[in-house]
Amino acid sequence: MTSNQTVWKLLTFSRFDAPILESWLQLRQTVFVVEQRCAYPDIDGRDADALHLLGFVGDRLAAGARLFAPREEQLHAQIGRVVVAVEQRGSGLGKTLMQEALDACLERWPESPIKISAQAHLEHFYNSLGFRTISDQYDEDGIPHIDMEYRLK
């Protein structure tokens, strides 16, 4: 394996070991709290309910996302906490991460639409993956967001 290959792991929260958990929480904190200067509770009590898609380049966690199954009160799958480490941005890893996340959702919940709460400036990126905007812009923790949805054609 070359150092540029990404190894993907899809883990339930109970399958995390301490070093992977620390890397995952650190990546989220580095990007969402420190880089984006957004003081909010990243540890929100939902990690235990999610599948965690993690991308490793070499031995470093480079990207990740949380995937949520549809449930009675939410009839769609959901992708959230989509993050790429700063040193990997511009490499195409974000697009690969989202394709891996979509594939994992479609494999597990093929009949369900997939929703995301996207930062508004990334609307074109998510459109290019097949998402469509389904809400007006709104503020989430001081950052403009929009809701978007992906459905199989």
C-alpha atoms as a PDB file:
ATOM      1  CA  MET A   1       0.000   0.000   0.000  1.00  0.00           C
ATOM      2  CA  THR A   2       1.314   3.427  -0.880  1.00  0.00           C
ATOM      3  CA  SER A   3       1.036   6.257   1.613  1.00  0.00           C
ATOM      4  CA  ASN A   4      -1.564   7.994  -0.587  1.00  0.00           C
ATOM      5  CA  GLN A   5      -4.081   5.144  -0.526  1.00  0.00           C
ATOM      6  CA  THR A   6      -7.070   5.597   1.732  1.00  0.00           C
ATOM      7  CA  VAL A   7      -8.208   2.697   3.879  1.00  0.00           C
ATOM      8  CA  TRP A   8     -11.880   2.974   4.836  1.00  0.00           C
ATOM      9  CA  LYS A   9     -13.339   1.575   8.041  1.00  0.00           C
ATOM     10  CA  LEU A  10     -17.023   1.532   8.928  1.00  0.00           C
ATOM     11  CA  LEU A  11     -17.398   1.102  12.662  1.00  0.00           C
ATOM     12  CA  THR A  12     -20.142   1.081  15.231  1.00  0.00           C
ATOM     13  CA  PHE A  13     -19.263   3.125  18.296  1.00  0.00           C
ATOM     14  CA  SER A  14     -18.751  -0.041  20.360  1.00  0.00           C
ATOM     15  CA  ARG A  15     -15.996  -1.176  17.931  1.00  0.00           C
ATOM     16  CA  PHE A  16     -13.783   1.869  18.527  1.00  0.00           C
ATOM     17  CA  ASP A  17     -10.531   1.382  20.354  1.00  0.00           C
ATOM     18  CA  ALA A  18      -9.137   4.275  22.392  1.00  0.00           C
ATOM     19  CA  PRO A  19      -6.598   5.533  19.790  1.00  0.00           C
ATOM     20  CA  ILE A  20      -9.168   5.604  16.963  1.00  0.00           C
ATOM     21  CA  LEU A  21     -11.758   7.281  19.184  1.00  0.00           C
ATOM     22  CA  GLU A  22      -9.239   9.928  20.220  1.00  0.00           C
ATOM     23  CA  SER A  23      -8.241  10.553  16.575  1.00  0.00           C
ATOM     24  CA  TRP A  24     -11.894  10.832  15.477  1.00  0.00           C
ATOM     25  CA  LEU A  25     -12.876  13.258  18.234  1.00  0.00           C
ATOM     26  CA  GLN A  26      -9.668  15.249  17.751  1.00  0.00           C
ATOM     27  CA  LEU A  27     -10.264  15.628  13.993  1.00  0.00           C
ATOM     28  CA  ARG A  28     -13.812  16.829  14.587  1.00  0.00           C
ATOM     29  CA  GLN A  29     -12.702  19.253  17.309  1.00  0.00           C
ATOM     30  CA  THR A  30      -9.811  20.590  15.211  1.00  0.00           C
ATOM     31  CA  VAL A  31     -12.059  21.386  12.247  1.00  0.00           C
ATOM     32  CA  PHE A  32     -15.491  22.144  13.676  1.00  0.00           C
ATOM     33  CA  VAL A  33     -14.534  23.895  16.919  1.00  0.00           C
ATOM     34  CA  VAL A  34     -11.043  25.365  16.437  1.00  0.00           C
ATOM     35  CA  GLU A  35     -10.716  26.006  12.671  1.00  0.00           C
ATOM     36  CA  GLN A  36     -14.313  27.149  12.214  1.00  0.00           C
ATOM     37  CA  ARG A  37     -14.264  29.024  15.532  1.00  0.00           C
ATOM     38  CA  CYS A  38     -17.541  27.487  16.565  1.00  0.00           C
ATOM     39  CA  ALA A  39     -18.068  26.678  20.222  1.00  0.00           C
ATOM     40  CA  TYR A  40     -20.706  23.959  20.202  1.00  0.00           C
ATOM     41  CA  PRO A  41     -21.172  20.514  21.795  1.00  0.00           C
ATOM     42  CA  ASP A  42     -19.621  18.197  19.192  1.00  0.00           C
ATOM     43  CA  ILE A  43     -20.077  15.273  21.560  1.00  0.00           C
ATOM     44  CA  ASP A  44     -23.848  15.340  21.278  1.00  0.00           C
ATOM     45  CA  GLY A  45     -24.924  11.934  22.563  1.00  0.00           C
ATOM     46  CA  ARG A  46     -25.525  10.574  19.036  1.00  0.00           C
ATOM     47  CA  ASP A  47     -22.205   8.817  18.396  1.00  0.00           C
ATOM     48  CA  ALA A  48     -23.502   5.555  19.890  1.00  0.00           C
ATOM     49  CA  ASP A  49     -26.374   5.541  17.350  1.00  0.00           C
ATOM     50  CA  ALA A  50     -24.190   6.174  14.300  1.00  0.00           C
ATOM     51  CA  LEU A  51     -22.060   4.182  11.946  1.00  0.00           C
ATOM     52  CA  HIS A  52     -18.717   5.954  11.672  1.00  0.00           C
ATOM     53  CA  LEU A  53     -17.025   5.995   8.276  1.00  0.00           C
ATOM     54  CA  LEU A  54     -13.334   6.717   8.778  1.00  0.00           C
ATOM     55  CA  GLY A  55     -10.674   7.174   6.100  1.00  0.00           C
ATOM     56  CA  PHE A  56      -7.032   6.585   6.999  1.00  0.00           C
ATOM     57  CA  VAL A  57      -4.111   7.730   4.869  1.00  0.00           C
ATOM     58  CA  GLY A  58      -1.133   5.814   6.177  1.00  0.00           C
ATOM     59  CA  ASP A  59      -1.629   5.635   9.930  1.00  0.00           C
ATOM     60  CA  ARG A  60      -3.411   9.013  10.179  1.00  0.00           C
ATOM     61  CA  LEU A  61      -7.146   9.601  10.245  1.00  0.00           C
ATOM     62  CA  ALA A  62      -7.744  11.894   7.270  1.00  0.00           C
ATOM     63  CA  ALA A  63     -11.540  11.978   6.867  1.00  0.00           C
ATOM     64  CA  GLY A  64     -14.756  10.812   8.419  1.00  0.00           C
ATOM     65  CA  ALA A  65     -18.518  11.028   8.622  1.00  0.00           C
ATOM     66  CA  ARG A  66     -21.363   9.738  10.746  1.00  0.00           C
ATOM     67  CA  LEU A  67     -24.182   7.739   9.150  1.00  0.00           C
ATOM     68  CA  PHE A  68     -27.607   7.353  10.738  1.00  0.00           C
ATOM     69  CA  ALA A  69     -30.280   4.802   9.881  1.00  0.00           C
ATOM     70  CA  PRO A  70     -33.849   5.873   9.204  1.00  0.00           C
ATOM     71  CA  ARG A  71     -36.105   5.567  12.239  1.00  0.00           C
ATOM     72  CA  GLU A  72     -39.763   6.112  13.043  1.00  0.00           C
ATOM     73  CA  GLU A  73     -39.522   9.853  13.651  1.00  0.00           C
ATOM     74  CA  GLN A  74     -36.996  10.371  10.825  1.00  0.00           C
ATOM     75  CA  LEU A  75     -37.848   8.418   7.685  1.00  0.00           C
ATOM     76  CA  HIS A  76     -34.560   9.199   5.950  1.00  0.00           C
ATOM     77  CA  ALA A  77     -30.969   8.162   6.411  1.00  0.00           C
ATOM     78  CA  GLN A  78     -28.619  10.951   7.427  1.00  0.00           C
ATOM     79  CA  ILE A  79     -24.961  11.767   6.848  1.00  0.00           C
ATOM     80  CA  GLY A  80     -23.323  14.200   9.245  1.00  0.00           C
ATOM     81  CA  ARG A  81     -20.052  15.364  10.784  1.00  0.00           C
ATOM     82  CA  VAL A  82     -18.487  15.196   7.314  1.00  0.00           C
ATOM     83  CA  VAL A  83     -14.866  16.221   7.782  1.00  0.00           C
ATOM     84  CA  VAL A  84     -11.565  16.137   5.909  1.00  0.00           C
ATOM     85  CA  ALA A  85      -8.269  17.002   7.596  1.00  0.00           C
ATOM     86  CA  VAL A  86      -6.825  20.299   6.380  1.00  0.00           C
ATOM     87  CA  GLU A  87      -3.714  18.660   4.897  1.00  0.00           C
ATOM     88  CA  GLN A  88      -5.917  16.437   2.685  1.00  0.00           C
ATOM     89  CA  ARG A  89      -8.190  19.139   1.285  1.00  0.00           C
ATOM     90  CA  GLY A  90      -7.985  19.649  -2.445  1.00  0.00           C
ATOM     91  CA  SER A  91      -6.914  16.023  -2.968  1.00  0.00           C
ATOM     92  CA  GLY A  92     -10.377  14.730  -3.893  1.00  0.00           C
ATOM     93  CA  LEU A  93     -10.716  12.944  -0.563  1.00  0.00           C
ATOM     94  CA  GLY A  94     -13.916  14.846   0.300  1.00  0.00           C
ATOM     95  CA  LYS A  95     -15.635  13.575  -2.834  1.00  0.00           C
ATOM     96  CA  THR A  96     -14.391  10.034  -2.165  1.00  0.00           C
ATOM     97  CA  LEU A  97     -15.586  10.261   1.446  1.00  0.00           C
ATOM     98  CA  MET A  98     -19.061  11.311   0.354  1.00  0.00           C
ATOM     99  CA  GLN A  99     -19.257   8.582  -2.298  1.00  0.00           C
ATOM    100  CA  GLU A 100     -18.229   6.001   0.302  1.00  0.00           C
ATOM    101  CA  ALA A 101     -20.879   7.403   2.683  1.00  0.00           C
ATOM    102  CA  LEU A 102     -23.580   7.335   0.001  1.00  0.00           C
ATOM    103  CA  ASP A 103     -22.644   3.780  -0.983  1.00  0.00           C
ATOM    104  CA  ALA A 104     -22.788   2.629   2.651  1.00  0.00           C
ATOM    105  CA  CYS A 105     -26.205   4.248   3.161  1.00  0.00           C
ATOM    106  CA  LEU A 106     -27.634   2.897  -0.098  1.00  0.00           C
ATOM    107  CA  GLU A 107     -26.364  -0.598   0.690  1.00  0.00           C
ATOM    108  CA  ARG A 108     -28.023  -0.585   4.121  1.00  0.00           C
ATOM    109  CA  TRP A 109     -31.135   1.527   3.480  1.00  0.00           C
ATOM    110  CA  PRO A 110     -31.792   1.413  -0.283  1.00  0.00           C
ATOM    111  CA  GLU A 111     -35.376   2.697  -0.100  1.00  0.00           C
ATOM    112  CA  SER A 112     -34.614   5.744   2.061  1.00  0.00           C
ATOM    113  CA  PRO A 113     -33.684   9.222   0.926  1.00  0.00           C
ATOM    114  CA  ILE A 114     -30.447  10.521   2.455  1.00  0.00           C
ATOM    115  CA  LYS A 115     -30.356  13.955   4.052  1.00  0.00           C
ATOM    116  CA  ILE A 116     -27.538  16.240   5.090  1.00  0.00           C
ATOM    117  CA  SER A 117     -27.328  19.595   6.807  1.00  0.00           C
ATOM    118  CA  ALA A 118     -24.691  21.229   4.603  1.00  0.00           C
ATOM    119  CA  GLN A 119     -22.714  24.383   5.079  1.00  0.00           C
ATOM    120  CA  ALA A 120     -24.220  26.711   2.478  1.00  0.00           C
ATOM    121  CA  HIS A 121     -20.901  27.434   0.757  1.00  0.00           C
ATOM    122  CA  LEU A 122     -20.642  23.710  -0.097  1.00  0.00           C
ATOM    123  CA  GLU A 123     -23.983  23.573  -1.931  1.00  0.00           C
ATOM    124  CA  HIS A 124     -22.357  23.235  -5.373  1.00  0.00           C
ATOM    125  CA  PHE A 125     -20.088  20.421  -4.124  1.00  0.00           C
ATOM    126  CA  TYR A 126     -23.046  18.424  -2.794  1.00  0.00           C
ATOM    127  CA  ASN A 127     -25.094  19.190  -5.941  1.00  0.00           C
ATOM    128  CA  SER A 128     -22.274  17.617  -7.965  1.00  0.00           C
ATOM    129  CA  LEU A 129     -22.825  14.394  -5.986  1.00  0.00           C
ATOM    130  CA  GLY A 130     -26.556  14.301  -6.710  1.00  0.00           C
ATOM    131  CA  PHE A 131     -27.956  16.131  -3.681  1.00  0.00           C
ATOM    132  CA  ARG A 132     -30.647  18.750  -4.135  1.00  0.00           C
ATOM    133  CA  THR A 133     -31.419  21.661  -1.840  1.00  0.00           C
ATOM    134  CA  ILE A 134     -34.674  21.249   0.113  1.00  0.00           C
ATOM    135  CA  SER A 135     -34.627  24.202   2.523  1.00  0.00           C
ATOM    136  CA  ASP A 136     -33.944  27.870   2.755  1.00  0.00           C
ATOM    137  CA  GLN A 137     -30.646  28.908   4.285  1.00  0.00           C
ATOM    138  CA  TYR A 138     -30.548  28.919   8.099  1.00  0.00           C
ATOM    139  CA  ASP A 139     -28.020  29.616  10.816  1.00  0.00           C
ATOM    140  CA  GLU A 140     -26.489  26.725  12.717  1.00  0.00           C
ATOM    141  CA  ASP A 141     -23.978  27.759  15.359  1.00  0.00           C
ATOM    142  CA  GLY A 142     -23.135  30.952  13.454  1.00  0.00           C
ATOM    143  CA  ILE A 143     -22.571  29.196  10.091  1.00  0.00           C
ATOM    144  CA  PRO A 144     -25.071  29.384   7.195  1.00  0.00           C
ATOM    145  CA  HIS A 145     -26.493  25.929   6.403  1.00  0.00           C
ATOM    146  CA  ILE A 146     -29.018  24.350   4.050  1.00  0.00           C
ATOM    147  CA  ASP A 147     -30.774  21.002   4.116  1.00  0.00           C
ATOM    148  CA  MET A 148     -30.109  18.774   1.131  1.00  0.00           C
ATOM    149  CA  GLU A 149     -31.429  15.401   0.026  1.00  0.00           C
ATOM    150  CA  TYR A 150     -30.186  12.545  -2.136  1.00  0.00           C
ATOM    151  CA  ARG A 151     -32.587  10.099  -3.759  1.00  0.00           C
ATOM    152  CA  LEU A 152     -31.896   7.296  -6.173  1.00  0.00           C
ATOM    153  CA  LYS A 153     -33.170   8.266  -9.591  1.00  0.00           C
END
